[in-house]
């Protein structure tokens, strides 16, 4: 009987030994896990701080650039009161006015298109198509090598998206393209740190990109590194086609 009892106790202890060892290993690794979590939290706090600085500088840039400070040679922008019918845009709905501005763009009349998109934003600042209008102003000024105004426009598109708190596919799909162009504009103004922060945010928010955007992202990232080492001008990124 005693032998049987000893055998039972030995068997129980044998079964408990791996559990006890596992618990001991977990207890020993807990400080390491806590330290790693604290390190990651510190990196997240640092990244948030860098993002705040980057977008603060973008807001300051937008304030410095008056509405009339468009590319040299562009016509002055009309000041349309809220809700009025501006003579540069047709009467009708916001969609019809936006379509008119897009037609000017498609015809290659870039100065008039810039003027029309700007007036669209003044009359319909909160319309869902305003994100697109900001984007096309950014594309026009970017291709005129007017990178401060282009950065202002791309930042406006992104800020409007964030304020809308919309996760609609037709809006969210545009954000990677907008952030890539924004980063490129900042790099061309030698704001390399801010440009890298924008790309880092893009990586964090969009872990998977379509192949065409992934290629554009890598090209922009490499371009920023090259610009750090050389002040020589680089080739602008190709226009990104949008359906609306």
Protein backbone atom coordinates (compact mmCIF):
# COMPACT_ATOMS: atom_id res chain seq x y z
CA UNK A 1 0.00 0.00 0.00
CA UNK A 2 2.80 2.36 0.94
CA UNK A 3 4.61 1.52 -2.27
CA UNK A 4 1.49 2.26 -4.28
CA UNK A 5 1.06 5.64 -2.54
CA UNK A 6 4.68 6.57 -3.24
CA UNK A 7 4.16 5.64 -6.89
CA UNK A 8 1.08 7.86 -7.14
CA UNK A 9 2.86 10.82 -5.56
CA UNK A 10 5.85 10.33 -7.86
CA UNK A 11 3.54 10.23 -10.86
CA UNK A 12 1.78 13.46 -9.83
CA UNK A 13 5.10 15.24 -9.28
CA UNK A 14 6.30 14.03 -12.67
CA UNK A 15 3.21 15.50 -14.33
CA UNK A 16 3.58 18.79 -12.43
CA UNK A 17 7.28 19.28 -13.20
CA UNK A 18 6.85 20.64 -16.79
CA UNK A 19 4.10 22.99 -15.58
CA UNK A 20 6.27 24.27 -12.76
CA UNK A 21 9.21 24.73 -15.11
CA UNK A 22 7.00 26.55 -17.62
CA UNK A 23 5.67 28.86 -14.91
CA UNK A 24 9.23 29.55 -13.77
CA UNK A 25 10.34 30.33 -17.34
CA UNK A 26 7.38 32.65 -17.81
CA UNK A 27 8.15 34.42 -14.54
CA UNK A 28 11.78 34.88 -15.59
CA UNK A 29 10.81 36.18 -19.05
CA UNK A 30 8.15 38.59 -17.74
CA UNK A 31 10.61 41.45 -17.08
CA UNK A 32 11.97 41.06 -20.62
CA UNK A 33 8.45 41.19 -22.08
CA UNK A 34 7.62 44.26 -20.00
CA UNK A 35 10.84 45.96 -21.11
CA UNK A 36 10.08 45.20 -24.76
CA UNK A 37 6.53 46.57 -24.40
CA UNK A 38 7.89 49.74 -22.81
CA UNK A 39 10.37 50.11 -25.67
CA UNK A 40 7.60 49.73 -28.25
CA UNK A 41 5.41 52.22 -26.38
CA UNK A 42 8.29 54.69 -26.34
CA UNK A 43 8.74 54.31 -30.09
CA UNK A 44 5.01 54.83 -30.64
CA UNK A 45 5.06 57.98 -28.48
CA UNK A 46 8.08 59.27 -30.38
CA UNK A 47 6.41 58.58 -33.73
CA UNK A 48 3.24 60.36 -32.64
CA UNK A 49 5.35 63.32 -31.59
CA UNK A 50 7.11 63.40 -34.95
CA UNK A 51 3.76 63.22 -36.75
CA UNK A 52 2.42 66.13 -34.71
CA UNK A 53 5.49 68.19 -35.58
CA UNK A 54 5.23 67.29 -39.26
CA UNK A 55 1.59 68.22 -39.59
CA UNK A 56 2.07 71.33 -37.47
CA UNK A 57 4.69 72.51 -39.96
CA UNK A 58 2.32 71.70 -42.82
CA UNK A 59 -0.40 73.82 -41.19
CA UNK A 60 2.06 76.69 -40.76
CA UNK A 61 3.01 76.34 -44.41
CA UNK A 62 -0.65 76.51 -45.43
CA UNK A 63 -1.12 79.71 -43.41
CA UNK A 64 1.91 81.34 -45.04
CA UNK A 65 0.62 80.62 -48.53
CA UNK A 66 -2.18 83.04 -49.34
CA UNK A 67 -4.94 81.77 -51.67
CA UNK A 68 -3.54 83.98 -54.45
CA UNK A 69 -0.01 82.58 -54.04
CA UNK A 70 -0.34 80.20 -56.92
CA UNK A 71 2.33 79.40 -59.46
CA UNK A 72 3.69 82.48 -61.29
CA UNK A 73 1.60 83.11 -64.38
CA UNK A 74 -1.56 81.55 -62.96
CA UNK A 75 -4.68 83.75 -62.97
CA UNK A 76 -5.75 85.28 -59.64
CA UNK A 77 -8.25 83.16 -57.78
CA UNK A 78 -11.74 84.56 -57.49
CA UNK A 79 -13.19 85.01 -54.02
CA UNK A 80 -16.63 83.44 -54.07
CA UNK A 81 -18.95 83.97 -51.10
CA UNK A 82 -20.27 80.82 -49.45
CA UNK A 83 -23.19 79.42 -51.42
CA UNK A 84 -22.97 81.98 -54.24
CA UNK A 85 -22.82 81.23 -57.95
CA UNK A 86 -19.29 82.06 -58.99
CA UNK A 87 -19.03 83.14 -62.66
CA UNK A 88 -16.10 80.75 -63.25
CA UNK A 89 -18.28 77.74 -62.45
CA UNK A 90 -21.57 76.73 -64.10
CA UNK A 91 -24.90 76.93 -62.32
CA UNK A 92 -26.02 73.60 -60.98
CA UNK A 93 -25.12 71.01 -58.37
CA UNK A 94 -21.74 70.48 -56.72
CA UNK A 95 -21.27 67.39 -58.89
CA UNK A 96 -21.88 69.40 -62.09
CA UNK A 97 -19.43 72.08 -60.99
CA UNK A 98 -16.81 69.48 -60.13
CA UNK A 99 -17.33 67.77 -63.49
CA UNK A 100 -16.80 71.14 -65.21
CA UNK A 101 -13.43 71.57 -63.44
CA UNK A 102 -12.44 68.03 -64.40
CA UNK A 103 -13.28 68.73 -68.04
CA UNK A 104 -10.93 71.72 -67.98
CA UNK A 105 -8.22 69.50 -66.52
CA UNK A 106 -8.79 66.76 -69.10
CA UNK A 107 -8.50 69.36 -71.88
CA UNK A 108 -5.10 70.42 -70.57
CA UNK A 109 -6.26 73.89 -69.49
CA UNK A 110 -4.43 73.60 -66.18
CA UNK A 111 -4.59 77.21 -65.03
CA UNK A 112 -8.35 77.35 -65.59
CA UNK A 113 -8.78 73.97 -63.93
CA UNK A 114 -6.77 75.16 -60.92
CA UNK A 115 -8.99 78.25 -60.76
CA UNK A 116 -12.17 76.15 -61.02
CA UNK A 117 -11.12 73.61 -58.38
CA UNK A 118 -10.14 76.41 -56.01
CA UNK A 119 -13.52 78.09 -56.45
CA UNK A 120 -15.24 74.74 -55.98
CA UNK A 121 -13.51 74.47 -52.58
CA UNK A 122 -14.59 77.99 -51.65
CA UNK A 123 -18.24 77.28 -52.51
CA UNK A 124 -18.38 73.62 -51.39
CA UNK A 125 -15.67 73.27 -48.72
CA UNK A 126 -17.32 70.33 -46.95
CA UNK A 127 -18.54 68.38 -49.96
CA UNK A 128 -17.22 64.83 -50.35
CA UNK A 129 -15.68 65.81 -53.71
CA UNK A 130 -13.56 68.45 -51.97
CA UNK A 131 -10.96 65.75 -51.22
CA UNK A 132 -10.62 65.18 -54.96
CA UNK A 133 -10.47 68.93 -55.65
CA UNK A 134 -7.61 69.33 -53.16
CA UNK A 135 -5.85 66.40 -54.82
CA UNK A 136 -6.09 67.81 -58.36
CA UNK A 137 -4.85 71.22 -57.23
CA UNK A 138 -1.92 69.33 -55.74
CA UNK A 139 -1.28 67.50 -59.02
CA UNK A 140 -1.45 70.70 -61.08
CA UNK A 141 0.92 72.66 -58.84
CA UNK A 142 3.23 69.65 -58.43
CA UNK A 143 3.68 69.38 -62.18
CA UNK A 144 4.41 73.12 -62.27
CA UNK A 145 7.25 72.43 -59.79
CA UNK A 146 5.39 74.51 -57.21
CA UNK A 147 6.06 72.11 -54.34
CA UNK A 148 4.98 74.36 -51.42
CA UNK A 149 1.49 74.82 -52.90
CA UNK A 150 1.36 71.16 -53.90
CA UNK A 151 2.21 70.11 -50.32
CA UNK A 152 -0.49 72.45 -49.06
CA UNK A 153 -3.08 70.88 -51.38
CA UNK A 154 -2.13 67.27 -50.63
CA UNK A 155 -2.12 68.03 -46.90
CA UNK A 156 -5.56 69.62 -47.29
CA UNK A 157 -6.89 66.46 -48.90
CA UNK A 158 -5.48 64.30 -46.11
CA UNK A 159 -6.72 66.56 -43.33
CA UNK A 160 -10.21 66.62 -44.84
CA UNK A 161 -10.22 62.83 -45.01
CA UNK A 162 -9.19 62.58 -41.34
CA UNK A 163 -11.86 65.10 -40.27
CA UNK A 164 -14.53 63.23 -42.21
CA UNK A 165 -13.69 60.03 -40.26
CA UNK A 166 -14.88 58.13 -43.30
CA UNK A 167 -13.65 54.65 -44.10
CA UNK A 168 -15.45 54.55 -47.45
CA UNK A 169 -13.31 52.69 -50.02
CA UNK A 170 -13.52 55.50 -52.58
CA UNK A 171 -11.83 57.85 -50.09
CA UNK A 172 -9.50 55.50 -48.23
CA UNK A 173 -8.03 54.17 -51.48
CA UNK A 174 -6.77 57.66 -52.36
CA UNK A 175 -4.90 58.27 -49.10
CA UNK A 176 -1.73 56.25 -49.88
CA UNK A 177 -1.34 58.13 -53.16
CA UNK A 178 -1.84 61.47 -51.43
CA UNK A 179 0.66 60.70 -48.65
CA UNK A 180 3.30 59.53 -51.14
CA UNK A 181 3.03 62.78 -53.12
CA UNK A 182 3.00 64.83 -49.90
CA UNK A 183 6.21 63.14 -48.74
CA UNK A 184 7.84 63.81 -52.10
CA UNK A 185 6.86 67.50 -51.96
CA UNK A 186 8.33 67.84 -48.46
CA UNK A 187 11.56 66.13 -49.54
CA UNK A 188 11.90 68.54 -52.47
CA UNK A 189 11.79 71.37 -49.92
CA UNK A 190 14.54 69.57 -47.95
CA UNK A 191 12.13 68.67 -45.15
CA UNK A 192 13.53 65.14 -45.12
CA UNK A 193 12.57 64.24 -41.56
CA UNK A 194 8.94 65.23 -42.12
CA UNK A 195 8.88 63.34 -45.41
CA UNK A 196 10.16 60.19 -43.71
CA UNK A 197 7.55 60.53 -40.95
CA UNK A 198 4.80 60.71 -43.58
CA UNK A 199 6.07 57.54 -45.26
CA UNK A 200 6.35 55.82 -41.88
CA UNK A 201 2.72 56.67 -41.16
CA UNK A 202 1.79 55.28 -44.55
CA UNK A 203 3.57 52.01 -43.73
CA UNK A 204 1.81 51.79 -40.36
CA UNK A 205 -1.68 52.58 -41.70
CA UNK A 206 -1.45 50.63 -44.96
CA UNK A 207 0.61 47.48 -44.50
CA UNK A 208 -0.41 46.17 -47.93
CA UNK A 209 -0.27 48.37 -51.03
CA UNK A 210 -1.18 47.60 -54.64
CA UNK A 211 1.85 46.83 -56.79
CA UNK A 212 1.78 50.20 -58.59
CA UNK A 213 1.66 52.13 -55.30
CA UNK A 214 4.27 49.88 -53.71
CA UNK A 215 6.60 50.71 -56.59
CA UNK A 216 5.85 54.43 -56.23
CA UNK A 217 6.39 54.21 -52.47
CA UNK A 218 9.80 52.55 -52.89
CA UNK A 219 10.80 55.08 -55.54
CA UNK A 220 9.83 57.98 -53.27
CA UNK A 221 11.62 56.45 -50.27
CA UNK A 222 14.78 55.95 -52.31
CA UNK A 223 14.45 59.44 -53.73
CA UNK A 224 14.38 60.94 -50.23
CA UNK A 225 17.58 59.09 -49.35
CA UNK A 226 19.21 60.31 -52.56
CA UNK A 227 18.15 63.91 -51.92
CA UNK A 228 19.76 63.77 -48.50
CA UNK A 229 23.10 63.05 -50.17
CA UNK A 230 22.74 65.37 -53.13
CA UNK A 231 21.11 68.68 -53.88
CA UNK A 232 20.78 67.82 -57.56
CA UNK A 233 17.21 68.05 -58.95
CA UNK A 234 15.40 64.77 -59.46
CA UNK A 235 12.69 63.69 -61.84
CA UNK A 236 9.14 64.39 -60.57
CA UNK A 237 6.92 61.43 -59.83
CA UNK A 238 4.38 60.55 -62.54
CA UNK A 239 0.80 61.82 -62.07
CA UNK A 240 -1.44 59.39 -60.23
CA UNK A 241 -4.65 58.71 -62.12
CA UNK A 242 -7.87 58.99 -60.16
CA UNK A 243 -11.26 57.94 -61.41
CA UNK A 244 -13.16 60.88 -59.95
